[in-house]
Amino acid sequence: MSTVFTLYYLARHPDKQARLQEELDQVLGDGSQPLTSHQMARLTYLKACVKETLRMQPIASVVARQPEKDITLQGYNVKAGTYVYVSVKEAGMLEEYFPRATEFLPERWLRDNPDRLQNQFATIPFSFGTRMCVGRRLAEQEIYVLLARLFLKYNLEYKHEEWDPLFRIIYKPDKPQNFTMTER
């Protein structure tokens, strides 16, 4: 679903799509060669688009943990073994960490941006540390390759009603994914 939501946000924001395509043209040329790890490392805007999508529309709604020892979180004493839940969706929409939180702004993730996100842990869609999703790297690579190949050759449009994602164990679109794809 992360790929579908990224397609949706890029289709609804042609200026962001154009910037991504500029990066793809510069890094991949005509796209006739296999993607290399060196090229993937240079696709910073592509990765920023995926991060921004995961901030705005994470697939999972919460991350749950049980501390092994008593801890204090923001002044609250939490006993060992008590479940602690972090709402990934809510955390990603906090204005204190993400000014203009309802806007799709991949630039907030770029290192050279003066308004860059200050707290990289303000949203953790794959969790973090030893309990991080084991499939994270594979999932990200699949998304990057698909998006790179698609947007290198095609423009995508979505001219229908805005989505209001539904939560059914994971988040999914509430409307058909009716995109219009045209060759560049």
N, C-alpha and C. Protein backbone atom coordinates (compact mmCIF):
# COMPACT_ATOMS: atom_id res chain seq x y z
N MET A 1 0.80 -1.20 0.00
CA MET A 1 0.00 0.00 0.00
C MET A 1 0.85 1.27 0.00
N SER A 2 2.05 1.20 0.55
CA SER A 2 2.91 2.39 0.57
C SER A 2 3.17 2.91 -0.85
N THR A 3 3.35 1.99 -1.78
CA THR A 3 3.58 2.39 -3.17
C THR A 3 2.35 3.09 -3.73
N VAL A 4 1.18 2.54 -3.47
CA VAL A 4 -0.07 3.12 -3.97
C VAL A 4 -0.26 4.53 -3.41
N PHE A 5 0.00 4.70 -2.11
CA PHE A 5 -0.16 6.03 -1.52
C PHE A 5 0.88 7.01 -2.08
N THR A 6 2.09 6.54 -2.36
CA THR A 6 3.11 7.42 -2.95
C THR A 6 2.68 7.83 -4.36
N LEU A 7 2.15 6.89 -5.13
CA LEU A 7 1.64 7.22 -6.47
C LEU A 7 0.55 8.28 -6.37
N TYR A 8 -0.33 8.10 -5.41
CA TYR A 8 -1.44 9.03 -5.20
C TYR A 8 -0.94 10.44 -4.90
N TYR A 9 -0.02 10.57 -3.94
CA TYR A 9 0.48 11.90 -3.58
C TYR A 9 1.24 12.55 -4.73
N LEU A 10 2.04 11.77 -5.45
CA LEU A 10 2.77 12.35 -6.57
C LEU A 10 1.83 12.71 -7.73
N ALA A 11 0.80 11.92 -7.96
CA ALA A 11 -0.17 12.23 -9.01
C ALA A 11 -0.96 13.49 -8.68
N ARG A 12 -1.20 13.73 -7.40
CA ARG A 12 -1.96 14.91 -6.97
C ARG A 12 -1.08 16.16 -6.85
N HIS A 13 0.22 15.98 -6.93
CA HIS A 13 1.16 17.11 -6.82
C HIS A 13 2.12 17.09 -8.01
N PRO A 14 1.67 17.57 -9.17
CA PRO A 14 2.50 17.51 -10.37
C PRO A 14 3.85 18.22 -10.23
N ASP A 15 3.93 19.25 -9.39
CA ASP A 15 5.21 19.94 -9.20
C ASP A 15 6.21 19.01 -8.52
N LYS A 16 5.76 18.20 -7.57
CA LYS A 16 6.64 17.24 -6.89
C LYS A 16 7.03 16.12 -7.85
N GLN A 17 6.06 15.70 -8.66
CA GLN A 17 6.33 14.66 -9.65
C GLN A 17 7.39 15.15 -10.65
N ALA A 18 7.26 16.40 -11.08
CA ALA A 18 8.23 16.96 -12.03
C ALA A 18 9.63 17.02 -11.42
N ARG A 19 9.70 17.41 -10.16
CA ARG A 19 11.01 17.47 -9.50
C ARG A 19 11.61 16.07 -9.39
N LEU A 20 10.80 15.09 -9.08
CA LEU A 20 11.28 13.71 -9.02
C LEU A 20 11.79 13.27 -10.40
N GLN A 21 11.04 13.60 -11.44
CA GLN A 21 11.44 13.21 -12.79
C GLN A 21 12.74 13.88 -13.22
N GLU A 22 12.97 15.11 -12.80
CA GLU A 22 14.25 15.79 -13.07
C GLU A 22 15.39 15.00 -12.44
N GLU A 23 15.19 14.60 -11.18
CA GLU A 23 16.22 13.82 -10.50
C GLU A 23 16.46 12.49 -11.21
N LEU A 24 15.39 11.81 -11.59
CA LEU A 24 15.52 10.53 -12.28
C LEU A 24 16.25 10.69 -13.61
N ASP A 25 15.92 11.73 -14.38
CA ASP A 25 16.59 11.98 -15.65
C ASP A 25 18.08 12.21 -15.43
N GLN A 26 18.41 12.97 -14.41
CA GLN A 26 19.80 13.31 -14.13
C GLN A 26 20.59 12.07 -13.68
N VAL A 27 20.01 11.27 -12.82
CA VAL A 27 20.73 10.13 -12.24
C VAL A 27 20.68 8.89 -13.14
N LEU A 28 19.54 8.63 -13.77
CA LEU A 28 19.36 7.38 -14.52
C LEU A 28 19.47 7.53 -16.03
N GLY A 29 19.52 8.76 -16.51
CA GLY A 29 19.60 8.96 -17.97
C GLY A 29 18.37 8.41 -18.65
N ASP A 30 18.58 7.56 -19.66
CA ASP A 30 17.43 7.00 -20.39
C ASP A 30 16.84 5.77 -19.69
N GLY A 31 17.49 5.32 -18.62
CA GLY A 31 16.97 4.20 -17.84
C GLY A 31 17.18 2.84 -18.47
N SER A 32 18.04 2.77 -19.47
CA SER A 32 18.24 1.49 -20.17
C SER A 32 19.12 0.52 -19.38
N GLN A 33 19.86 1.02 -18.42
CA GLN A 33 20.75 0.16 -17.63
C GLN A 33 20.08 -0.25 -16.32
N PRO A 34 20.51 -1.36 -15.74
CA PRO A 34 19.99 -1.73 -14.42
C PRO A 34 20.37 -0.67 -13.39
N LEU A 35 19.51 -0.49 -12.40
CA LEU A 35 19.81 0.46 -11.32
C LEU A 35 20.95 -0.09 -10.47
N THR A 36 21.89 0.78 -10.17
CA THR A 36 23.01 0.37 -9.33
C THR A 36 22.83 0.95 -7.93
N SER A 37 23.57 0.43 -6.97
CA SER A 37 23.50 0.97 -5.61
C SER A 37 24.00 2.41 -5.58
N HIS A 38 24.96 2.74 -6.44
CA HIS A 38 25.46 4.12 -6.52
C HIS A 38 24.35 5.06 -6.99
N GLN A 39 23.60 4.65 -8.00
CA GLN A 39 22.49 5.48 -8.48
C GLN A 39 21.40 5.59 -7.41
N MET A 40 21.07 4.49 -6.77
CA MET A 40 20.04 4.50 -5.72
C MET A 40 20.42 5.47 -4.60
N ALA A 41 21.68 5.53 -4.26
CA ALA A 41 22.14 6.44 -3.19
C ALA A 41 21.93 7.90 -3.58
N ARG A 42 21.93 8.19 -4.88
CA ARG A 42 21.77 9.56 -5.35
C ARG A 42 20.31 9.98 -5.53
N LEU A 43 19.38 9.07 -5.38
CA LEU A 43 17.96 9.37 -5.57
C LEU A 43 17.34 9.88 -4.27
N THR A 44 17.84 11.02 -3.81
CA THR A 44 17.43 11.56 -2.51
C THR A 44 16.00 12.09 -2.52
N TYR A 45 15.57 12.68 -3.62
CA TYR A 45 14.20 13.20 -3.67
C TYR A 45 13.20 12.05 -3.73
N LEU A 46 13.53 11.01 -4.45
CA LEU A 46 12.68 9.82 -4.49
C LEU A 46 12.46 9.28 -3.07
N LYS A 47 13.55 9.14 -2.34
CA LYS A 47 13.46 8.63 -0.96
C LYS A 47 12.68 9.59 -0.07
N ALA A 48 12.84 10.89 -0.30
CA ALA A 48 12.10 11.88 0.48
C ALA A 48 10.59 11.77 0.20
N CYS A 49 10.23 11.49 -1.04
CA CYS A 49 8.81 11.31 -1.38
C CYS A 49 8.21 10.13 -0.64
N VAL A 50 8.95 9.05 -0.55
CA VAL A 50 8.47 7.86 0.16
C VAL A 50 8.38 8.13 1.65
N LYS A 51 9.39 8.79 2.21
CA LYS A 51 9.35 9.13 3.65
C LYS A 51 8.16 10.03 3.97
N GLU A 52 7.92 11.00 3.11
CA GLU A 52 6.81 11.91 3.34
C GLU A 52 5.47 11.18 3.24
N THR A 53 5.36 10.26 2.31
CA THR A 53 4.15 9.45 2.20
C THR A 53 3.96 8.63 3.47
N LEU A 54 5.01 8.00 3.94
CA LEU A 54 4.90 7.18 5.15
C LEU A 54 4.60 8.02 6.38
N ARG A 55 5.02 9.27 6.38
CA ARG A 55 4.67 10.17 7.48
C ARG A 55 3.18 10.47 7.45
N MET A 56 2.68 10.81 6.27
CA MET A 56 1.28 11.21 6.14
C MET A 56 0.32 10.03 6.17
N GLN A 57 0.76 8.92 5.62
CA GLN A 57 -0.11 7.77 5.52
C GLN A 57 0.66 6.48 5.79
N PRO A 58 1.01 6.26 7.07
CA PRO A 58 1.70 5.01 7.39
C PRO A 58 0.75 3.83 7.17
N ILE A 59 1.31 2.69 6.94
CA ILE A 59 0.49 1.51 6.72
C ILE A 59 -0.09 1.01 8.04
N ALA A 60 0.75 0.93 9.07
CA ALA A 60 0.28 0.50 10.39
C ALA A 60 -0.11 1.71 11.21
N SER A 61 -1.06 1.51 12.12
CA SER A 61 -1.54 2.65 12.90
C SER A 61 -0.73 2.89 14.18
N VAL A 62 -0.23 1.83 14.79
CA VAL A 62 0.48 1.99 16.06
C VAL A 62 1.72 1.10 16.11
N VAL A 63 2.63 1.50 16.98
CA VAL A 63 3.77 0.67 17.37
C VAL A 63 3.57 0.42 18.86
N ALA A 64 3.63 -0.83 19.27
CA ALA A 64 3.44 -1.19 20.68
C ALA A 64 4.73 -1.78 21.23
N ARG A 65 5.04 -1.41 22.46
CA ARG A 65 6.23 -1.93 23.15
C ARG A 65 5.90 -2.20 24.61
N GLN A 66 6.64 -3.11 25.21
CA GLN A 66 6.55 -3.42 26.64
C GLN A 66 7.94 -3.21 27.23
N PRO A 67 8.14 -2.16 28.02
CA PRO A 67 9.47 -1.96 28.60
C PRO A 67 9.81 -3.11 29.56
N GLU A 68 11.09 -3.50 29.54
CA GLU A 68 11.55 -4.59 30.40
C GLU A 68 11.82 -4.12 31.82
N LYS A 69 11.98 -2.79 31.99
CA LYS A 69 12.20 -2.24 33.33
C LYS A 69 11.35 -0.98 33.47
N ASP A 70 11.14 -0.53 34.68
CA ASP A 70 10.36 0.69 34.91
C ASP A 70 11.05 1.86 34.20
N ILE A 71 10.24 2.70 33.56
CA ILE A 71 10.78 3.88 32.86
C ILE A 71 9.87 5.07 33.13
N THR A 72 10.39 6.26 32.82
CA THR A 72 9.59 7.48 32.90
C THR A 72 9.52 8.08 31.50
N LEU A 73 8.29 8.29 31.01
CA LEU A 73 8.06 8.89 29.69
C LEU A 73 7.29 10.19 29.88
N GLN A 74 7.93 11.29 29.57
CA GLN A 74 7.32 12.62 29.69
C GLN A 74 6.63 12.80 31.04
N GLY A 75 7.33 12.41 32.08
CA GLY A 75 6.82 12.60 33.44
C GLY A 75 5.91 11.51 33.95
N TYR A 76 5.59 10.55 33.12
CA TYR A 76 4.73 9.44 33.54
C TYR A 76 5.59 8.22 33.87
N ASN A 77 5.35 7.63 35.02
CA ASN A 77 6.06 6.40 35.40
C ASN A 77 5.34 5.22 34.76
N VAL A 78 6.10 4.43 34.03
CA VAL A 78 5.55 3.27 33.34
C VAL A 78 6.23 2.04 33.91
N LYS A 79 5.45 1.15 34.45
CA LYS A 79 5.97 -0.08 35.06
C LYS A 79 6.43 -1.05 33.98
N ALA A 80 7.42 -1.83 34.30
CA ALA A 80 7.90 -2.88 33.40
C ALA A 80 6.73 -3.79 33.03
N GLY A 81 6.68 -4.18 31.76
CA GLY A 81 5.63 -5.08 31.29
C GLY A 81 4.35 -4.40 30.84
N THR A 82 4.22 -3.10 31.10
CA THR A 82 3.03 -2.35 30.66
C THR A 82 3.15 -2.04 29.18
N TYR A 83 2.08 -2.27 28.43
CA TYR A 83 2.13 -1.94 27.01
C TYR A 83 2.10 -0.43 26.82
N VAL A 84 2.98 0.05 25.95
CA VAL A 84 3.04 1.45 25.57
C VAL A 84 2.77 1.49 24.06
N TYR A 85 1.82 2.32 23.66
CA TYR A 85 1.45 2.43 22.25
C TYR A 85 1.80 3.81 21.72
N VAL A 86 2.38 3.83 20.54
CA VAL A 86 2.66 5.08 19.84
C VAL A 86 1.80 5.09 18.59
N SER A 87 0.97 6.10 18.44
CA SER A 87 0.15 6.24 17.25
C SER A 87 1.00 6.84 16.14
N VAL A 88 1.40 6.02 15.21
CA VAL A 88 2.28 6.45 14.12
C VAL A 88 1.58 7.51 13.26
N LYS A 89 0.32 7.31 12.98
CA LYS A 89 -0.44 8.27 12.15
C LYS A 89 -0.52 9.63 12.85
N GLU A 90 -0.88 9.64 14.12
CA GLU A 90 -0.99 10.90 14.87
C GLU A 90 0.37 11.58 15.01
N ALA A 91 1.40 10.81 15.31
CA ALA A 91 2.74 11.38 15.48
C ALA A 91 3.20 12.08 14.20
N GLY A 92 2.88 11.50 13.05
CA GLY A 92 3.28 12.08 11.77
C GLY A 92 2.55 13.35 11.40
N MET A 93 1.49 13.67 12.12
CA MET A 93 0.71 14.86 11.81
C MET A 93 0.84 15.96 12.86
N LEU A 94 1.80 15.83 13.77
CA LEU A 94 2.00 16.84 14.80
C LEU A 94 2.69 18.08 14.23
N GLU A 95 2.03 19.21 14.31
CA GLU A 95 2.56 20.47 13.77
C GLU A 95 3.87 20.89 14.45
N GLU A 96 4.05 20.51 15.71
CA GLU A 96 5.29 20.91 16.40
C GLU A 96 6.52 20.28 15.75
N TYR A 97 6.36 19.14 15.12
CA TYR A 97 7.48 18.48 14.43
C TYR A 97 7.39 18.66 12.92
N PHE A 98 6.18 18.78 12.41
CA PHE A 98 5.96 18.86 10.97
C PHE A 98 5.10 20.08 10.63
N PRO A 99 5.72 21.27 10.57
CA PRO A 99 4.93 22.44 10.17
C PRO A 99 4.25 22.18 8.83
N ARG A 100 3.01 22.67 8.73
CA ARG A 100 2.19 22.42 7.53
C ARG A 100 2.02 20.91 7.33
N ALA A 101 1.69 20.24 8.42
CA ALA A 101 1.63 18.77 8.46
C ALA A 101 0.67 18.15 7.47
N THR A 102 -0.36 18.84 7.08
CA THR A 102 -1.32 18.26 6.15
C THR A 102 -0.88 18.39 4.69
N GLU A 103 0.25 19.05 4.46
CA GLU A 103 0.75 19.23 3.10
C GLU A 103 1.82 18.19 2.77
N PHE A 104 1.81 17.74 1.53
CA PHE A 104 2.81 16.79 1.03
C PHE A 104 4.07 17.58 0.66
N LEU A 105 5.07 17.54 1.54
CA LEU A 105 6.30 18.32 1.36
C LEU A 105 7.53 17.42 1.50
N PRO A 106 7.87 16.67 0.47
CA PRO A 106 9.04 15.79 0.55
C PRO A 106 10.33 16.54 0.88
N GLU A 107 10.37 17.83 0.53
CA GLU A 107 11.59 18.63 0.77
C GLU A 107 11.98 18.66 2.24
N ARG A 108 11.02 18.47 3.13
CA ARG A 108 11.34 18.52 4.57
C ARG A 108 12.34 17.44 4.97
N TRP A 109 12.53 16.42 4.14
CA TRP A 109 13.42 15.31 4.46
C TRP A 109 14.81 15.47 3.84
N LEU A 110 15.02 16.50 3.02
CA LEU A 110 16.30 16.67 2.32
C LEU A 110 17.33 17.36 3.22
N ARG A 111 18.54 16.86 3.19
CA ARG A 111 19.61 17.39 4.06
C ARG A 111 19.95 18.84 3.77
N ASP A 112 19.87 19.26 2.51
CA ASP A 112 20.26 20.63 2.15
C ASP A 112 19.14 21.64 2.35
N ASN A 113 18.01 21.22 2.87
CA ASN A 113 16.87 22.11 3.11
C ASN A 113 17.04 22.80 4.45
N PRO A 114 17.03 24.16 4.49
CA PRO A 114 17.19 24.86 5.77
C PRO A 114 16.02 24.60 6.74
N ASP A 115 14.85 24.23 6.20
CA ASP A 115 13.70 23.91 7.04
C ASP A 115 13.58 22.42 7.30
N ARG A 116 14.71 21.73 7.18
CA ARG A 116 14.73 20.28 7.33
C ARG A 116 14.19 19.85 8.68
N LEU A 117 13.56 18.71 8.66
CA LEU A 117 13.03 18.10 9.87
C LEU A 117 14.14 17.97 10.92
N GLN A 118 13.88 18.46 12.11
CA GLN A 118 14.89 18.45 13.17
C GLN A 118 14.93 17.14 13.94
N ASN A 119 13.80 16.47 14.08
CA ASN A 119 13.75 15.23 14.84
C ASN A 119 13.41 14.09 13.89
N GLN A 120 14.42 13.35 13.48
CA GLN A 120 14.23 12.26 12.53
C GLN A 120 13.39 11.12 13.12
N PHE A 121 13.17 11.13 14.42
CA PHE A 121 12.41 10.08 15.08
C PHE A 121 10.99 10.53 15.43
N ALA A 122 10.57 11.66 14.88
CA ALA A 122 9.22 12.15 15.16
C ALA A 122 8.17 11.23 14.54
N THR A 123 8.55 10.48 13.54
CA THR A 123 7.68 9.46 12.98
C THR A 123 8.54 8.25 12.65
N ILE A 124 8.04 7.10 13.04
CA ILE A 124 8.81 5.86 12.83
C ILE A 124 7.87 4.77 12.27
N PRO A 125 7.52 4.87 10.98
CA PRO A 125 6.55 3.95 10.42
C PRO A 125 6.98 2.48 10.44
N PHE A 126 8.28 2.22 10.47
CA PHE A 126 8.78 0.84 10.54
C PHE A 126 9.26 0.49 11.94
N SER A 127 8.99 1.36 12.90
CA SER A 127 9.52 1.26 14.25
C SER A 127 11.01 1.57 14.19
N PHE A 128 11.75 1.15 15.22
CA PHE A 128 13.16 1.52 15.29
C PHE A 128 13.91 0.53 16.17
N GLY A 129 15.19 0.40 15.91
CA GLY A 129 16.06 -0.41 16.77
C GLY A 129 15.86 -1.91 16.56
N THR A 130 16.07 -2.67 17.62
CA THR A 130 16.03 -4.12 17.51
C THR A 130 14.66 -4.66 17.16
N ARG A 131 13.62 -3.88 17.35
CA ARG A 131 12.26 -4.32 17.04
C ARG A 131 11.73 -3.73 15.73
N MET A 132 12.64 -3.16 14.94
CA MET A 132 12.25 -2.58 13.66
C MET A 132 11.75 -3.68 12.72
N CYS A 133 10.85 -3.33 11.84
CA CYS A 133 10.32 -4.26 10.85
C CYS A 133 11.46 -4.93 10.08
N VAL A 134 11.47 -6.25 10.08
CA VAL A 134 12.56 -6.97 9.41
C VAL A 134 12.52 -6.81 7.90
N GLY A 135 11.36 -6.47 7.35
CA GLY A 135 11.24 -6.31 5.91
C GLY A 135 11.44 -4.90 5.41
N ARG A 136 11.84 -3.99 6.29
CA ARG A 136 11.93 -2.58 5.92
C ARG A 136 12.80 -2.34 4.68
N ARG A 137 14.02 -2.79 4.71
CA ARG A 137 14.96 -2.51 3.62
C ARG A 137 14.47 -3.09 2.29
N LEU A 138 13.96 -4.30 2.33
CA LEU A 138 13.44 -4.92 1.11
C LEU A 138 12.24 -4.13 0.59
N ALA A 139 11.32 -3.79 1.48
CA ALA A 139 10.13 -3.02 1.08
C ALA A 139 10.54 -1.68 0.47
N GLU A 140 11.46 -0.97 1.12
CA GLU A 140 11.89 0.32 0.60
C GLU A 140 12.54 0.17 -0.78
N GLN A 141 13.41 -0.82 -0.95
CA GLN A 141 14.07 -1.00 -2.24
C GLN A 141 13.06 -1.30 -3.35
N GLU A 142 12.08 -2.14 -3.04
CA GLU A 142 11.05 -2.45 -4.05
C GLU A 142 10.27 -1.19 -4.43
N ILE A 143 9.92 -0.40 -3.45
CA ILE A 143 9.19 0.85 -3.73
C ILE A 143 10.04 1.79 -4.57
N TYR A 144 11.31 1.97 -4.19
CA TYR A 144 12.19 2.88 -4.92
C TYR A 144 12.36 2.45 -6.38
N VAL A 145 12.60 1.17 -6.60
CA VAL A 145 12.81 0.68 -7.97
C VAL A 145 11.55 0.86 -8.81
N LEU A 146 10.41 0.48 -8.27
CA LEU A 146 9.15 0.62 -9.01
C LEU A 146 8.88 2.08 -9.36
N LEU A 147 9.00 2.97 -8.37
CA LEU A 147 8.73 4.39 -8.62
C LEU A 147 9.73 4.99 -9.61
N ALA A 148 10.99 4.62 -9.47
CA ALA A 148 12.02 5.16 -10.38
C ALA A 148 11.72 4.74 -11.82
N ARG A 149 11.44 3.47 -12.01
CA ARG A 149 11.17 2.98 -13.37
C ARG A 149 9.88 3.59 -13.94
N LEU A 150 8.86 3.71 -13.12
CA LEU A 150 7.58 4.24 -13.59
C LEU A 150 7.68 5.72 -13.95
N PHE A 151 8.21 6.53 -13.03
CA PHE A 151 8.22 7.98 -13.27
C PHE A 151 9.31 8.42 -14.24
N LEU A 152 10.26 7.55 -14.54
CA LEU A 152 11.25 7.86 -15.57
C LEU A 152 10.58 7.89 -16.95
N LYS A 153 9.57 7.06 -17.15
CA LYS A 153 8.95 6.92 -18.46
C LYS A 153 7.54 7.50 -18.57
N TYR A 154 6.87 7.70 -17.40
CA TYR A 154 5.46 8.09 -17.44
C TYR A 154 5.14 9.24 -16.50
N ASN A 155 4.09 9.97 -16.86
CA ASN A 155 3.45 10.94 -15.98
C ASN A 155 2.21 10.26 -15.41
N LEU A 156 1.88 10.62 -14.20
CA LEU A 156 0.71 10.03 -13.55
C LEU A 156 -0.21 11.14 -13.09
N GLU A 157 -1.50 10.96 -13.32
CA GLU A 157 -2.51 11.93 -12.87
C GLU A 157 -3.59 11.21 -12.09
N TYR A 158 -4.16 11.95 -11.14
CA TYR A 158 -5.32 11.47 -10.40
C TYR A 158 -6.28 12.65 -10.31
N LYS A 159 -7.39 12.57 -11.01
CA LYS A 159 -8.34 13.69 -11.08
C LYS A 159 -9.70 13.28 -10.55
N HIS A 160 -9.69 12.65 -9.41
CA HIS A 160 -10.94 12.18 -8.80
C HIS A 160 -11.00 12.70 -7.37
N GLU A 161 -11.99 12.23 -6.64
CA GLU A 161 -12.15 12.65 -5.25
C GLU A 161 -10.92 12.28 -4.42
N GLU A 162 -10.65 13.13 -3.45
CA GLU A 162 -9.56 12.86 -2.51
C GLU A 162 -9.85 11.59 -1.72
N TRP A 163 -8.79 10.87 -1.38
CA TRP A 163 -8.96 9.65 -0.60
C TRP A 163 -9.11 9.98 0.87
N ASP A 164 -9.87 9.18 1.57
CA ASP A 164 -9.99 9.22 3.02
C ASP A 164 -9.71 7.79 3.49
N PRO A 165 -8.42 7.46 3.68
CA PRO A 165 -8.03 6.07 3.92
C PRO A 165 -8.81 5.39 5.05
N LEU A 166 -9.06 4.12 4.81
CA LEU A 166 -9.75 3.27 5.77
C LEU A 166 -8.73 2.43 6.52
N PHE A 167 -9.02 2.16 7.78
CA PHE A 167 -8.13 1.28 8.54
C PHE A 167 -8.77 -0.09 8.64
N ARG A 168 -8.15 -1.06 8.01
CA ARG A 168 -8.58 -2.46 8.05
C ARG A 168 -7.34 -3.31 8.32
N ILE A 169 -6.89 -3.31 9.54
CA ILE A 169 -5.62 -3.90 9.98
C ILE A 169 -4.47 -3.05 9.47
N ILE A 170 -4.50 -2.67 8.21
CA ILE A 170 -3.58 -1.68 7.65
C ILE A 170 -4.44 -0.59 7.01
N TYR A 171 -3.81 0.55 6.71
CA TYR A 171 -4.54 1.61 6.01
C TYR A 171 -4.60 1.27 4.52
N LYS A 172 -5.74 1.57 3.91
CA LYS A 172 -5.90 1.37 2.48
C LYS A 172 -6.80 2.47 1.93
N PRO A 173 -6.71 2.74 0.63
CA PRO A 173 -7.57 3.77 0.03
C PRO A 173 -9.04 3.40 0.15
N ASP A 174 -9.86 4.43 0.28
CA ASP A 174 -11.31 4.20 0.38
C ASP A 174 -11.99 4.31 -0.98
N LYS A 175 -11.23 4.64 -2.01
CA LYS A 175 -11.79 4.79 -3.36
C LYS A 175 -10.91 4.02 -4.35
N PRO A 176 -11.44 3.73 -5.52
CA PRO A 176 -10.63 3.04 -6.54
C PRO A 176 -9.38 3.84 -6.89
N GLN A 177 -8.33 3.14 -7.22
CA GLN A 177 -7.07 3.78 -7.58
C GLN A 177 -7.05 4.03 -9.09
N ASN A 178 -7.85 4.99 -9.51
CA ASN A 178 -8.00 5.31 -10.93
C ASN A 178 -7.01 6.38 -11.35
N PHE A 179 -5.82 5.94 -11.73
CA PHE A 179 -4.79 6.86 -12.19
C PHE A 179 -4.82 6.90 -13.72
N THR A 180 -4.37 8.03 -14.27
CA THR A 180 -4.18 8.15 -15.70
C THR A 180 -2.68 8.24 -15.94
N MET A 181 -2.17 7.33 -16.76
CA MET A 181 -0.74 7.26 -17.04
C MET A 181 -0.50 7.64 -18.49
N THR A 182 0.41 8.58 -18.72
CA THR A 182 0.76 8.98 -20.08
C THR A 182 2.28 8.94 -20.22
N GLU A 183 2.74 8.63 -21.44
CA GLU A 183 4.19 8.63 -21.69
C GLU A 183 4.72 10.05 -21.60
N ARG A 184 5.92 10.16 -21.09
CA ARG A 184 6.56 11.47 -20.99
C ARG A 184 7.10 11.90 -22.34
